[in-house]
Amino acid sequence: MLKEVTVDRVYLAQGVTDLRKSIDGLVALVKEEFELDLFLRVYLFFVTGARQVENSSMGS
């Protein structure tokens, strides 16, 4: 079931992101590149090599 969520900020990662990385690799990318707390209410959007946009929500 879909539910309504509230986010504080939306981020778009510049450049192509290799989504073949494990979740640990993406978490490291978020921590290092964006310097974000992983428990914030944010949406992160990544671009794949095919220029498709993938999203990932963080926090609650």
N, C-alpha and C. Protein backbone atom coordinates (compact mmCIF):
# COMPACT_ATOMS: atom_id res chain seq x y z
N MET A 1 0.83 -1.16 0.00
CA MET A 1 0.00 0.00 0.00
C MET A 1 0.89 1.25 0.00
N LEU A 2 0.54 2.22 -0.81
CA LEU A 2 1.28 3.47 -0.86
C LEU A 2 0.82 4.38 0.26
N LYS A 3 1.76 5.10 0.82
CA LYS A 3 1.38 6.06 1.84
C LYS A 3 2.05 7.39 1.53
N GLU A 4 1.47 8.42 2.02
CA GLU A 4 2.00 9.75 1.82
C GLU A 4 3.21 9.95 2.72
N VAL A 5 4.27 10.52 2.18
CA VAL A 5 5.46 10.78 2.97
C VAL A 5 5.80 12.26 2.89
N THR A 6 6.47 12.73 3.91
CA THR A 6 6.94 14.10 3.93
C THR A 6 8.46 14.07 3.87
N VAL A 7 9.03 14.83 2.95
CA VAL A 7 10.48 14.91 2.85
C VAL A 7 10.90 16.35 3.08
N ASP A 8 12.09 16.51 3.64
CA ASP A 8 12.62 17.85 3.90
C ASP A 8 13.38 18.41 2.70
N ARG A 9 14.07 17.53 1.97
CA ARG A 9 14.87 17.98 0.83
C ARG A 9 14.92 16.88 -0.23
N VAL A 10 15.22 17.30 -1.45
CA VAL A 10 15.38 16.38 -2.57
C VAL A 10 16.75 16.65 -3.17
N TYR A 11 17.53 15.59 -3.42
CA TYR A 11 18.86 15.72 -3.99
C TYR A 11 18.93 14.94 -5.30
N LEU A 12 19.64 15.50 -6.27
CA LEU A 12 19.89 14.84 -7.55
C LEU A 12 21.39 14.68 -7.69
N ALA A 13 21.84 13.43 -7.78
CA ALA A 13 23.26 13.16 -7.94
C ALA A 13 23.67 13.51 -9.36
N GLN A 14 24.71 14.34 -9.52
CA GLN A 14 25.18 14.72 -10.84
C GLN A 14 26.01 13.59 -11.43
N GLY A 15 25.94 13.43 -12.72
CA GLY A 15 26.71 12.40 -13.39
C GLY A 15 26.03 11.05 -13.27
N VAL A 16 26.68 10.06 -13.83
CA VAL A 16 26.13 8.70 -13.85
C VAL A 16 26.56 7.97 -12.58
N THR A 17 25.63 7.29 -11.94
CA THR A 17 25.91 6.50 -10.74
C THR A 17 25.81 5.02 -11.09
N ASP A 18 26.84 4.26 -10.73
CA ASP A 18 26.84 2.83 -10.98
C ASP A 18 25.98 2.15 -9.92
N LEU A 19 24.75 1.79 -10.30
CA LEU A 19 23.83 1.18 -9.35
C LEU A 19 24.08 -0.31 -9.14
N ARG A 20 25.13 -0.84 -9.75
CA ARG A 20 25.50 -2.23 -9.49
C ARG A 20 26.21 -2.36 -8.15
N LYS A 21 26.57 -1.22 -7.56
CA LYS A 21 27.19 -1.25 -6.24
C LYS A 21 26.19 -1.82 -5.24
N SER A 22 26.71 -2.41 -4.21
CA SER A 22 25.82 -2.91 -3.15
C SER A 22 25.21 -1.72 -2.42
N ILE A 23 24.25 -1.99 -1.58
CA ILE A 23 23.64 -0.92 -0.79
C ILE A 23 24.70 -0.24 0.06
N ASP A 24 25.70 -0.98 0.51
CA ASP A 24 26.78 -0.40 1.30
C ASP A 24 27.57 0.62 0.47
N GLY A 25 27.75 0.33 -0.81
CA GLY A 25 28.45 1.25 -1.69
C GLY A 25 27.67 2.54 -1.90
N LEU A 26 26.36 2.41 -2.06
CA LEU A 26 25.52 3.61 -2.22
C LEU A 26 25.45 4.42 -0.94
N VAL A 27 25.41 3.73 0.21
CA VAL A 27 25.41 4.43 1.49
C VAL A 27 26.71 5.21 1.66
N ALA A 28 27.83 4.60 1.30
CA ALA A 28 29.12 5.29 1.39
C ALA A 28 29.14 6.51 0.46
N LEU A 29 28.58 6.37 -0.73
CA LEU A 29 28.50 7.49 -1.67
C LEU A 29 27.70 8.65 -1.07
N VAL A 30 26.57 8.33 -0.47
CA VAL A 30 25.72 9.37 0.13
C VAL A 30 26.45 10.05 1.28
N LYS A 31 27.12 9.27 2.12
CA LYS A 31 27.82 9.84 3.27
C LYS A 31 28.98 10.72 2.84
N GLU A 32 29.75 10.27 1.83
CA GLU A 32 30.95 11.00 1.42
C GLU A 32 30.64 12.17 0.48
N GLU A 33 29.85 11.92 -0.54
CA GLU A 33 29.60 12.95 -1.55
C GLU A 33 28.61 14.01 -1.07
N PHE A 34 27.56 13.60 -0.42
CA PHE A 34 26.53 14.54 0.01
C PHE A 34 26.70 14.99 1.46
N GLU A 35 27.54 14.27 2.21
CA GLU A 35 27.75 14.55 3.63
C GLU A 35 26.41 14.64 4.37
N LEU A 36 25.58 13.63 4.15
CA LEU A 36 24.24 13.60 4.73
C LEU A 36 24.13 12.58 5.85
N ASP A 37 23.31 12.89 6.81
CA ASP A 37 22.90 11.93 7.83
C ASP A 37 21.91 10.99 7.16
N LEU A 38 22.12 9.72 7.26
CA LEU A 38 21.28 8.75 6.56
C LEU A 38 19.89 8.62 7.15
N PHE A 39 19.63 9.28 8.24
CA PHE A 39 18.31 9.19 8.85
C PHE A 39 17.48 10.45 8.66
N LEU A 40 17.93 11.33 7.77
CA LEU A 40 17.14 12.51 7.42
C LEU A 40 16.00 12.10 6.50
N ARG A 41 14.97 12.91 6.45
CA ARG A 41 13.85 12.64 5.54
C ARG A 41 14.15 13.30 4.20
N VAL A 42 14.91 12.59 3.37
CA VAL A 42 15.29 13.13 2.06
C VAL A 42 15.05 12.09 0.98
N TYR A 43 14.91 12.57 -0.24
CA TYR A 43 14.88 11.70 -1.41
C TYR A 43 16.15 11.95 -2.19
N LEU A 44 16.77 10.88 -2.64
CA LEU A 44 17.97 10.97 -3.48
C LEU A 44 17.64 10.39 -4.84
N PHE A 45 17.99 11.10 -5.89
CA PHE A 45 17.77 10.62 -7.24
C PHE A 45 19.12 10.40 -7.90
N PHE A 46 19.28 9.23 -8.52
CA PHE A 46 20.51 8.86 -9.20
C PHE A 46 20.21 8.63 -10.67
N VAL A 47 21.17 8.94 -11.54
CA VAL A 47 21.03 8.70 -12.97
C VAL A 47 21.87 7.48 -13.31
N THR A 48 21.25 6.52 -14.01
CA THR A 48 21.99 5.33 -14.44
C THR A 48 22.67 5.62 -15.77
N GLY A 49 23.46 4.69 -16.25
CA GLY A 49 24.16 4.86 -17.52
C GLY A 49 23.22 5.06 -18.69
N ALA A 50 22.02 4.53 -18.60
CA ALA A 50 21.03 4.66 -19.68
C ALA A 50 20.25 5.96 -19.55
N ARG A 51 20.68 6.84 -18.65
CA ARG A 51 20.03 8.13 -18.40
C ARG A 51 18.62 7.98 -17.85
N GLN A 52 18.38 6.88 -17.17
CA GLN A 52 17.12 6.70 -16.46
C GLN A 52 17.34 7.18 -15.04
N VAL A 53 16.31 7.75 -14.47
CA VAL A 53 16.43 8.27 -13.10
C VAL A 53 15.87 7.23 -12.14
N GLU A 54 16.66 6.90 -11.13
CA GLU A 54 16.25 5.98 -10.08
C GLU A 54 16.19 6.80 -8.79
N ASN A 55 15.27 6.44 -7.90
CA ASN A 55 15.22 7.20 -6.64
C ASN A 55 15.44 6.29 -5.46
N SER A 56 15.79 6.92 -4.38
CA SER A 56 16.02 6.22 -3.13
C SER A 56 15.59 7.14 -2.00
N SER A 57 14.75 6.64 -1.13
CA SER A 57 14.35 7.48 0.00
C SER A 57 15.16 7.08 1.22
N MET A 58 15.48 8.04 2.03
CA MET A 58 16.23 7.81 3.25
C MET A 58 15.38 8.26 4.42
N GLY A 59 15.67 7.73 5.58
CA GLY A 59 14.97 8.16 6.79
C GLY A 59 13.55 7.63 6.84
N SER A 60 12.76 8.21 7.73
CA SER A 60 11.40 7.73 7.91
C SER A 60 10.40 8.67 7.31
